[in-house]
PDB file of all heavy atoms in Angstrom:
ATOM      1  N   GLN A   1       0.841  -1.208   0.000  1.00  0.00           N
ATOM      2  CA  GLN A   1       0.000   0.000   0.000  1.00  0.00           C
ATOM      3  C   GLN A   1       0.871   1.252   0.000  1.00  0.00           C
ATOM      4  O   GLN A   1       0.550   2.245  -0.686  1.00  0.00           O
ATOM      5  CB  GLN A   1      -0.917   0.005   1.228  1.00  0.00           C
ATOM      6  CG  GLN A   1      -1.989  -1.073   1.232  1.00  0.00           C
ATOM      7  CD  GLN A   1      -3.167  -0.756   0.322  1.00  0.00           C
ATOM      8  OE1 GLN A   1      -3.128   0.178  -0.480  1.00  0.00           O
ATOM      9  NE2 GLN A   1      -4.220  -1.553   0.423  1.00  0.00           N
ATOM     10  N   LEU A   2       1.978   1.218   0.737  1.00  0.00           N
ATOM     11  CA  LEU A   2       2.892   2.363   0.751  1.00  0.00           C
ATOM     12  C   LEU A   2       3.517   2.564  -0.624  1.00  0.00           C
ATOM     13  O   LEU A   2       3.644   3.702  -1.104  1.00  0.00           O
ATOM     14  CB  LEU A   2       3.981   2.142   1.804  1.00  0.00           C
ATOM     15  CG  LEU A   2       5.068   3.219   1.883  1.00  0.00           C
ATOM     16  CD1 LEU A   2       4.465   4.599   2.147  1.00  0.00           C
ATOM     17  CD2 LEU A   2       6.097   2.862   2.949  1.00  0.00           C
ATOM     18  N   GLN A   3       3.899   1.462  -1.261  1.00  0.00           N
ATOM     19  CA  GLN A   3       4.463   1.572  -2.608  1.00  0.00           C
ATOM     20  C   GLN A   3       3.448   2.147  -3.588  1.00  0.00           C
ATOM     21  O   GLN A   3       3.773   3.008  -4.411  1.00  0.00           O
ATOM     22  CB  GLN A   3       4.929   0.189  -3.086  1.00  0.00           C
ATOM     23  CG  GLN A   3       5.576   0.205  -4.464  1.00  0.00           C
ATOM     24  CD  GLN A   3       6.022  -1.190  -4.899  1.00  0.00           C
ATOM     25  OE1 GLN A   3       5.862  -2.150  -4.166  1.00  0.00           O
ATOM     26  NE2 GLN A   3       6.585  -1.275  -6.093  1.00  0.00           N
ATOM     27  N   LEU A   4       2.203   1.688  -3.494  1.00  0.00           N
ATOM     28  CA  LEU A   4       1.142   2.195  -4.368  1.00  0.00           C
ATOM     29  C   LEU A   4       0.902   3.679  -4.117  1.00  0.00           C
ATOM     30  O   LEU A   4       0.756   4.471  -5.059  1.00  0.00           O
ATOM     31  CB  LEU A   4      -0.149   1.400  -4.134  1.00  0.00           C
ATOM     32  CG  LEU A   4      -1.392   1.867  -4.889  1.00  0.00           C
ATOM     33  CD1 LEU A   4      -1.180   1.770  -6.400  1.00  0.00           C
ATOM     34  CD2 LEU A   4      -2.616   1.057  -4.459  1.00  0.00           C
ATOM     35  N   SER A   5       0.888   4.072  -2.845  1.00  0.00           N
ATOM     36  CA  SER A   5       0.678   5.489  -2.510  1.00  0.00           C
ATOM     37  C   SER A   5       1.834   6.345  -3.004  1.00  0.00           C
ATOM     38  O   SER A   5       1.626   7.472  -3.493  1.00  0.00           O
ATOM     39  CB  SER A   5       0.517   5.645  -0.990  1.00  0.00           C
ATOM     40  OG  SER A   5      -0.631   4.963  -0.517  1.00  0.00           O
ATOM     41  N   THR A   6       3.048   5.813  -2.889  1.00  0.00           N
ATOM     42  CA  THR A   6       4.225   6.552  -3.355  1.00  0.00           C
ATOM     43  C   THR A   6       4.191   6.726  -4.875  1.00  0.00           C
ATOM     44  O   THR A   6       4.508   7.814  -5.395  1.00  0.00           O
ATOM     45  CB  THR A   6       5.506   5.817  -2.942  1.00  0.00           C
ATOM     46  OG1 THR A   6       5.514   5.652  -1.515  1.00  0.00           O
ATOM     47  CG2 THR A   6       6.739   6.598  -3.357  1.00  0.00           C
ATOM     48  N   GLU A   7       3.827   5.666  -5.573  1.00  0.00           N
ATOM     49  CA  GLU A   7       3.729   5.758  -7.038  1.00  0.00           C
ATOM     50  C   GLU A   7       2.631   6.735  -7.455  1.00  0.00           C
ATOM     51  O   GLU A   7       2.799   7.508  -8.422  1.00  0.00           O
ATOM     52  CB  GLU A   7       3.442   4.373  -7.618  1.00  0.00           C
ATOM     53  CG  GLU A   7       4.615   3.402  -7.487  1.00  0.00           C
ATOM     54  CD  GLU A   7       4.250   1.993  -7.912  1.00  0.00           C
ATOM     55  OE1 GLU A   7       3.044   1.760  -8.194  1.00  0.00           O
ATOM     56  OE2 GLU A   7       5.151   1.134  -7.954  1.00  0.00           O
ATOM     57  N   THR A   8       1.521   6.725  -6.735  1.00  0.00           N
ATOM     58  CA  THR A   8       0.433   7.660  -7.049  1.00  0.00           C
ATOM     59  C   THR A   8       0.862   9.090  -6.781  1.00  0.00           C
ATOM     60  O   THR A   8       0.549  10.011  -7.560  1.00  0.00           O
ATOM     61  CB  THR A   8      -0.818   7.320  -6.211  1.00  0.00           C
ATOM     62  OG1 THR A   8      -1.207   5.971  -6.490  1.00  0.00           O
ATOM     63  CG2 THR A   8      -1.971   8.246  -6.549  1.00  0.00           C
ATOM     64  N   LEU A   9       1.599   9.308  -5.688  1.00  0.00           N
ATOM     65  CA  LEU A   9       2.103  10.652  -5.386  1.00  0.00           C
ATOM     66  C   LEU A   9       3.043  11.126  -6.497  1.00  0.00           C
ATOM     67  O   LEU A   9       2.980  12.296  -6.917  1.00  0.00           O
ATOM     68  CB  LEU A   9       2.825  10.648  -4.044  1.00  0.00           C
ATOM     69  CG  LEU A   9       3.541  11.951  -3.662  1.00  0.00           C
ATOM     70  CD1 LEU A   9       2.563  13.130  -3.604  1.00  0.00           C
ATOM     71  CD2 LEU A   9       4.282  11.788  -2.332  1.00  0.00           C
ATOM     72  N   ALA A  10       3.899  10.211  -6.967  1.00  0.00           N
ATOM     73  CA  ALA A  10       4.814  10.585  -8.047  1.00  0.00           C
ATOM     74  C   ALA A  10       4.037  10.978  -9.302  1.00  0.00           C
ATOM     75  O   ALA A  10       4.372  11.970  -9.984  1.00  0.00           O
ATOM     76  CB  ALA A  10       5.773   9.442  -8.345  1.00  0.00           C
ATOM     77  N   ALA A  11       2.979  10.229  -9.605  1.00  0.00           N
ATOM     78  CA  ALA A  11       2.165  10.551 -10.785  1.00  0.00           C
ATOM     79  C   ALA A  11       1.437  11.877 -10.610  1.00  0.00           C
ATOM     80  O   ALA A  11       1.364  12.691 -11.551  1.00  0.00           O
ATOM     81  CB  ALA A  11       1.160   9.422 -11.033  1.00  0.00           C
ATOM     82  N   GLN A  12       0.913  12.112  -9.426  1.00  0.00           N
ATOM     83  CA  GLN A  12       0.214  13.372  -9.159  1.00  0.00           C
ATOM     84  C   GLN A  12       1.181  14.557  -9.215  1.00  0.00           C
ATOM     85  O   GLN A  12       0.832  15.639  -9.710  1.00  0.00           O
ATOM     86  CB  GLN A  12      -0.473  13.315  -7.779  1.00  0.00           C
ATOM     87  CG  GLN A  12      -1.537  12.243  -7.643  1.00  0.00           C
ATOM     88  CD  GLN A  12      -2.822  12.594  -8.366  1.00  0.00           C
ATOM     89  OE1 GLN A  12      -2.815  13.222  -9.429  1.00  0.00           O
ATOM     90  NE2 GLN A  12      -3.947  12.178  -7.805  1.00  0.00           N
ATOM     91  N   THR A  13       2.376  14.341  -8.702  1.00  0.00           N
ATOM     92  CA  THR A  13       3.382  15.407  -8.732  1.00  0.00           C
ATOM     93  C   THR A  13       3.768  15.744 -10.165  1.00  0.00           C
ATOM     94  O   THR A  13       3.938  16.925 -10.536  1.00  0.00           O
ATOM     95  CB  THR A  13       4.627  14.982  -7.932  1.00  0.00           C
ATOM     96  OG1 THR A  13       4.239  14.672  -6.581  1.00  0.00           O
ATOM     97  CG2 THR A  13       5.662  16.094  -7.908  1.00  0.00           C
ATOM     98  N   GLU A  14       3.929  14.716 -10.997  1.00  0.00           N
ATOM     99  CA  GLU A  14       4.252  14.934 -12.403  1.00  0.00           C
ATOM    100  C   GLU A  14       3.109  15.671 -13.114  1.00  0.00           C
ATOM    101  O   GLU A  14       3.347  16.572 -13.929  1.00  0.00           O
ATOM    102  CB  GLU A  14       4.537  13.596 -13.089  1.00  0.00           C
ATOM    103  CG  GLU A  14       4.766  13.677 -14.593  1.00  0.00           C
ATOM    104  CD  GLU A  14       5.970  14.538 -14.968  1.00  0.00           C
ATOM    105  OE1 GLU A  14       6.827  14.807 -14.089  1.00  0.00           O
ATOM    106  OE2 GLU A  14       6.055  14.946 -16.151  1.00  0.00           O
ATOM    107  N   THR A  15       1.872  15.299 -12.775  1.00  0.00           N
ATOM    108  CA  THR A  15       0.717  15.993 -13.371  1.00  0.00           C
ATOM    109  C   THR A  15       0.715  17.457 -12.972  1.00  0.00           C
ATOM    110  O   THR A  15       0.459  18.352 -13.791  1.00  0.00           O
ATOM    111  CB  THR A  15      -0.590  15.328 -12.927  1.00  0.00           C
ATOM    112  OG1 THR A  15      -0.601  13.969 -13.387  1.00  0.00           O
ATOM    113  CG2 THR A  15      -1.801  16.058 -13.493  1.00  0.00           C
ATOM    114  N   LEU A  16       1.016  17.732 -11.713  1.00  0.00           N
ATOM    115  CA  LEU A  16       1.069  19.132 -11.254  1.00  0.00           C
ATOM    116  C   LEU A  16       2.158  19.894 -12.002  1.00  0.00           C
ATOM    117  O   LEU A  16       1.959  21.068 -12.376  1.00  0.00           O
ATOM    118  CB  LEU A  16       1.329  19.180  -9.743  1.00  0.00           C
ATOM    119  CG  LEU A  16       1.536  20.579  -9.142  1.00  0.00           C
ATOM    120  CD1 LEU A  16       0.313  21.470  -9.391  1.00  0.00           C
ATOM    121  CD2 LEU A  16       1.863  20.486  -7.657  1.00  0.00           C
ATOM    122  N   ARG A  17       3.289  19.256 -12.241  1.00  0.00           N
ATOM    123  CA  ARG A  17       4.367  19.917 -12.965  1.00  0.00           C
ATOM    124  C   ARG A  17       3.922  20.286 -14.387  1.00  0.00           C
ATOM    125  O   ARG A  17       4.163  21.403 -14.869  1.00  0.00           O
ATOM    126  CB  ARG A  17       5.598  19.015 -13.025  1.00  0.00           C
ATOM    127  CG  ARG A  17       6.838  19.691 -13.648  1.00  0.00           C
ATOM    128  CD  ARG A  17       7.916  18.661 -13.929  1.00  0.00           C
ATOM    129  NE  ARG A  17       7.492  17.735 -14.985  1.00  0.00           N
ATOM    130  CZ  ARG A  17       7.513  18.043 -16.287  1.00  0.00           C
ATOM    131  NH1 ARG A  17       7.908  19.244 -16.711  1.00  0.00           N
ATOM    132  NH2 ARG A  17       7.126  17.139 -17.174  1.00  0.00           N
ATOM    133  N   VAL A  18       3.253  19.317 -15.027  1.00  0.00           N
ATOM    134  CA  VAL A  18       2.789  19.566 -16.399  1.00  0.00           C
ATOM    135  C   VAL A  18       1.744  20.676 -16.415  1.00  0.00           C
ATOM    136  O   VAL A  18       1.780  21.590 -17.273  1.00  0.00           O
ATOM    137  CB  VAL A  18       2.217  18.267 -17.007  1.00  0.00           C
ATOM    138  CG1 VAL A  18       1.554  18.561 -18.358  1.00  0.00           C
ATOM    139  CG2 VAL A  18       3.313  17.225 -17.167  1.00  0.00           C
ATOM    140  N   VAL A  19       0.815  20.621 -15.496  1.00  0.00           N
ATOM    141  CA  VAL A  19      -0.256  21.633 -15.445  1.00  0.00           C
ATOM    142  C   VAL A  19       0.326  23.005 -15.142  1.00  0.00           C
ATOM    143  O   VAL A  19      -0.081  24.027 -15.740  1.00  0.00           O
ATOM    144  CB  VAL A  19      -1.310  21.243 -14.387  1.00  0.00           C
ATOM    145  CG1 VAL A  19      -2.305  22.385 -14.168  1.00  0.00           C
ATOM    146  CG2 VAL A  19      -2.039  19.982 -14.806  1.00  0.00           C
ATOM    147  N   GLN A  20       1.304  23.058 -14.230  1.00  0.00           N
ATOM    148  CA  GLN A  20       1.917  24.332 -13.897  1.00  0.00           C
ATOM    149  C   GLN A  20       2.642  24.909 -15.117  1.00  0.00           C
ATOM    150  O   GLN A  20       2.577  26.127 -15.374  1.00  0.00           O
ATOM    151  CB  GLN A  20       2.901  24.146 -12.742  1.00  0.00           C
ATOM    152  CG  GLN A  20       3.521  25.440 -12.226  1.00  0.00           C
ATOM    153  CD  GLN A  20       2.492  26.377 -11.603  1.00  0.00           C
ATOM    154  OE1 GLN A  20       1.741  25.977 -10.731  1.00  0.00           O
ATOM    155  NE2 GLN A  20       2.453  27.639 -12.065  1.00  0.00           N
ATOM    156  N   THR A  21       3.298  24.032 -15.881  1.00  0.00           N
ATOM    157  CA  THR A  21       3.982  24.488 -17.089  1.00  0.00           C
ATOM    158  C   THR A  21       2.981  25.029 -18.097  1.00  0.00           C
ATOM    159  O   THR A  21       3.187  26.100 -18.716  1.00  0.00           O
ATOM    160  CB  THR A  21       4.786  23.337 -17.706  1.00  0.00           C
ATOM    161  OG1 THR A  21       5.757  22.871 -16.756  1.00  0.00           O
ATOM    162  CG2 THR A  21       5.504  23.790 -18.972  1.00  0.00           C
ATOM    163  N   ARG A  22       1.895  24.308 -18.279  1.00  0.00           N
ATOM    164  CA  ARG A  22       0.872  24.752 -19.218  1.00  0.00           C
ATOM    165  C   ARG A  22       0.213  26.058 -18.758  1.00  0.00           C
ATOM    166  O   ARG A  22      -0.126  26.921 -19.555  1.00  0.00           O
ATOM    167  CB  ARG A  22      -0.194  23.657 -19.385  1.00  0.00           C
ATOM    168  CG  ARG A  22       0.342  22.392 -20.051  1.00  0.00           C
ATOM    169  CD  ARG A  22      -0.772  21.386 -20.287  1.00  0.00           C
ATOM    170  NE  ARG A  22      -1.773  21.942 -21.204  1.00  0.00           N
ATOM    171  CZ  ARG A  22      -2.890  21.327 -21.552  1.00  0.00           C
ATOM    172  NH1 ARG A  22      -3.150  20.124 -21.042  1.00  0.00           N
ATOM    173  NH2 ARG A  22      -3.756  21.901 -22.371  1.00  0.00           N
ATOM    174  N   TYR A  23       0.064  26.167 -17.427  1.00  0.00           N
ATOM    175  CA  TYR A  23      -0.522  27.398 -16.887  1.00  0.00           C
ATOM    176  C   TYR A  23       0.402  28.582 -17.145  1.00  0.00           C
ATOM    177  O   TYR A  23      -0.057  29.675 -17.513  1.00  0.00           O
ATOM    178  CB  TYR A  23      -0.779  27.231 -15.393  1.00  0.00           C
ATOM    179  CG  TYR A  23      -1.271  28.490 -14.715  1.00  0.00           C
ATOM    180  CD1 TYR A  23      -2.586  28.935 -14.891  1.00  0.00           C
ATOM    181  CD2 TYR A  23      -0.409  29.241 -13.906  1.00  0.00           C
ATOM    182  CE1 TYR A  23      -3.024  30.097 -14.278  1.00  0.00           C
ATOM    183  CE2 TYR A  23      -0.850  30.396 -13.288  1.00  0.00           C
ATOM    184  CZ  TYR A  23      -2.162  30.821 -13.469  1.00  0.00           C
ATOM    185  OH  TYR A  23      -2.600  31.975 -12.856  1.00  0.00           O
ATOM    186  N   ASP A  24       1.702  28.344 -16.952  1.00  0.00           N
ATOM    187  CA  ASP A  24       2.671  29.424 -17.203  1.00  0.00           C
ATOM    188  C   ASP A  24       2.673  29.849 -18.674  1.00  0.00           C
ATOM    189  O   ASP A  24       2.950  31.003 -18.986  1.00  0.00           O
ATOM    190  CB  ASP A  24       4.080  28.970 -16.798  1.00  0.00           C
ATOM    191  CG  ASP A  24       4.191  28.752 -15.291  1.00  0.00           C
ATOM    192  OD1 ASP A  24       3.338  29.294 -14.549  1.00  0.00           O
ATOM    193  OD2 ASP A  24       5.110  28.013 -14.857  1.00  0.00           O
ATOM    194  N   LEU A  25       2.328  28.875 -19.541  1.00  0.00           N
ATOM    195  CA  LEU A  25       2.280  29.176 -20.980  1.00  0.00           C
ATOM    196  C   LEU A  25       0.911  29.689 -21.402  1.00  0.00           C
ATOM    197  O   LEU A  25       0.695  29.991 -22.586  1.00  0.00           O
ATOM    198  CB  LEU A  25       2.648  27.934 -21.792  1.00  0.00           C
ATOM    199  CG  LEU A  25       4.071  27.400 -21.615  1.00  0.00           C
ATOM    200  CD1 LEU A  25       4.250  26.085 -22.363  1.00  0.00           C
ATOM    201  CD2 LEU A  25       5.094  28.424 -22.078  1.00  0.00           C
ATOM    202  N   GLY A  26      -0.020  29.722 -20.456  1.00  0.00           N
ATOM    203  CA  GLY A  26      -1.355  30.217 -20.761  1.00  0.00           C
ATOM    204  C   GLY A  26      -2.261  29.184 -21.367  1.00  0.00           C
ATOM    205  O   GLY A  26      -3.339  29.513 -21.869  1.00  0.00           O
ATOM    206  N   ALA A  27      -1.821  27.873 -21.302  1.00  0.00           N
ATOM    207  CA  ALA A  27      -2.628  26.807 -21.899  1.00  0.00           C
ATOM    208  C   ALA A  27      -3.506  26.089 -20.886  1.00  0.00           C
ATOM    209  O   ALA A  27      -4.252  25.180 -21.249  1.00  0.00           O
ATOM    210  CB  ALA A  27      -1.718  25.793 -22.586  1.00  0.00           C
ATOM    211  N   ALA A  28      -3.406  26.456 -19.610  1.00  0.00           N
ATOM    212  CA  ALA A  28      -4.220  25.830 -18.571  1.00  0.00           C
ATOM    213  C   ALA A  28      -4.742  26.910 -17.635  1.00  0.00           C
ATOM    214  O   ALA A  28      -4.145  27.993 -17.512  1.00  0.00           O
ATOM    215  CB  ALA A  28      -3.408  24.807 -17.790  1.00  0.00           C
ATOM    216  N   SER A  29      -5.848  26.601 -16.981  1.00  0.00           N
ATOM    217  CA  SER A  29      -6.464  27.573 -16.075  1.00  0.00           C
ATOM    218  C   SER A  29      -5.949  27.401 -14.654  1.00  0.00           C
ATOM    219  O   SER A  29      -5.338  26.375 -14.297  1.00  0.00           O
ATOM    220  CB  SER A  29      -7.992  27.386 -16.086  1.00  0.00           C
ATOM    221  OG  SER A  29      -8.336  26.140 -15.517  1.00  0.00           O
ATOM    222  N   ARG A  30      -6.225  28.428 -13.854  1.00  0.00           N
ATOM    223  CA  ARG A  30      -5.850  28.377 -12.444  1.00  0.00           C
ATOM    224  C   ARG A  30      -6.605  27.255 -11.722  1.00  0.00           C
ATOM    225  O   ARG A  30      -6.082  26.628 -10.796  1.00  0.00           O
ATOM    226  CB  ARG A  30      -6.153  29.725 -11.792  1.00  0.00           C
ATOM    227  CG  ARG A  30      -5.856  29.799 -10.306  1.00  0.00           C
ATOM    228  CD  ARG A  30      -4.397  29.514 -10.007  1.00  0.00           C
ATOM    229  NE  ARG A  30      -4.143  29.492  -8.569  1.00  0.00           N
ATOM    230  CZ  ARG A  30      -3.025  29.061  -8.019  1.00  0.00           C
ATOM    231  NH1 ARG A  30      -2.044  28.589  -8.798  1.00  0.00           N
ATOM    232  NH2 ARG A  30      -2.857  29.077  -6.714  1.00  0.00           N
TER     233      ARG A  30
END
């Protein structure tokens, strides 16, 4: 369960990075 949670956190963190990049480029909303 800890491994699954860690992998999910990594995926969520990567999604946040992508969304933040798109937001900085004006391609995503706040």
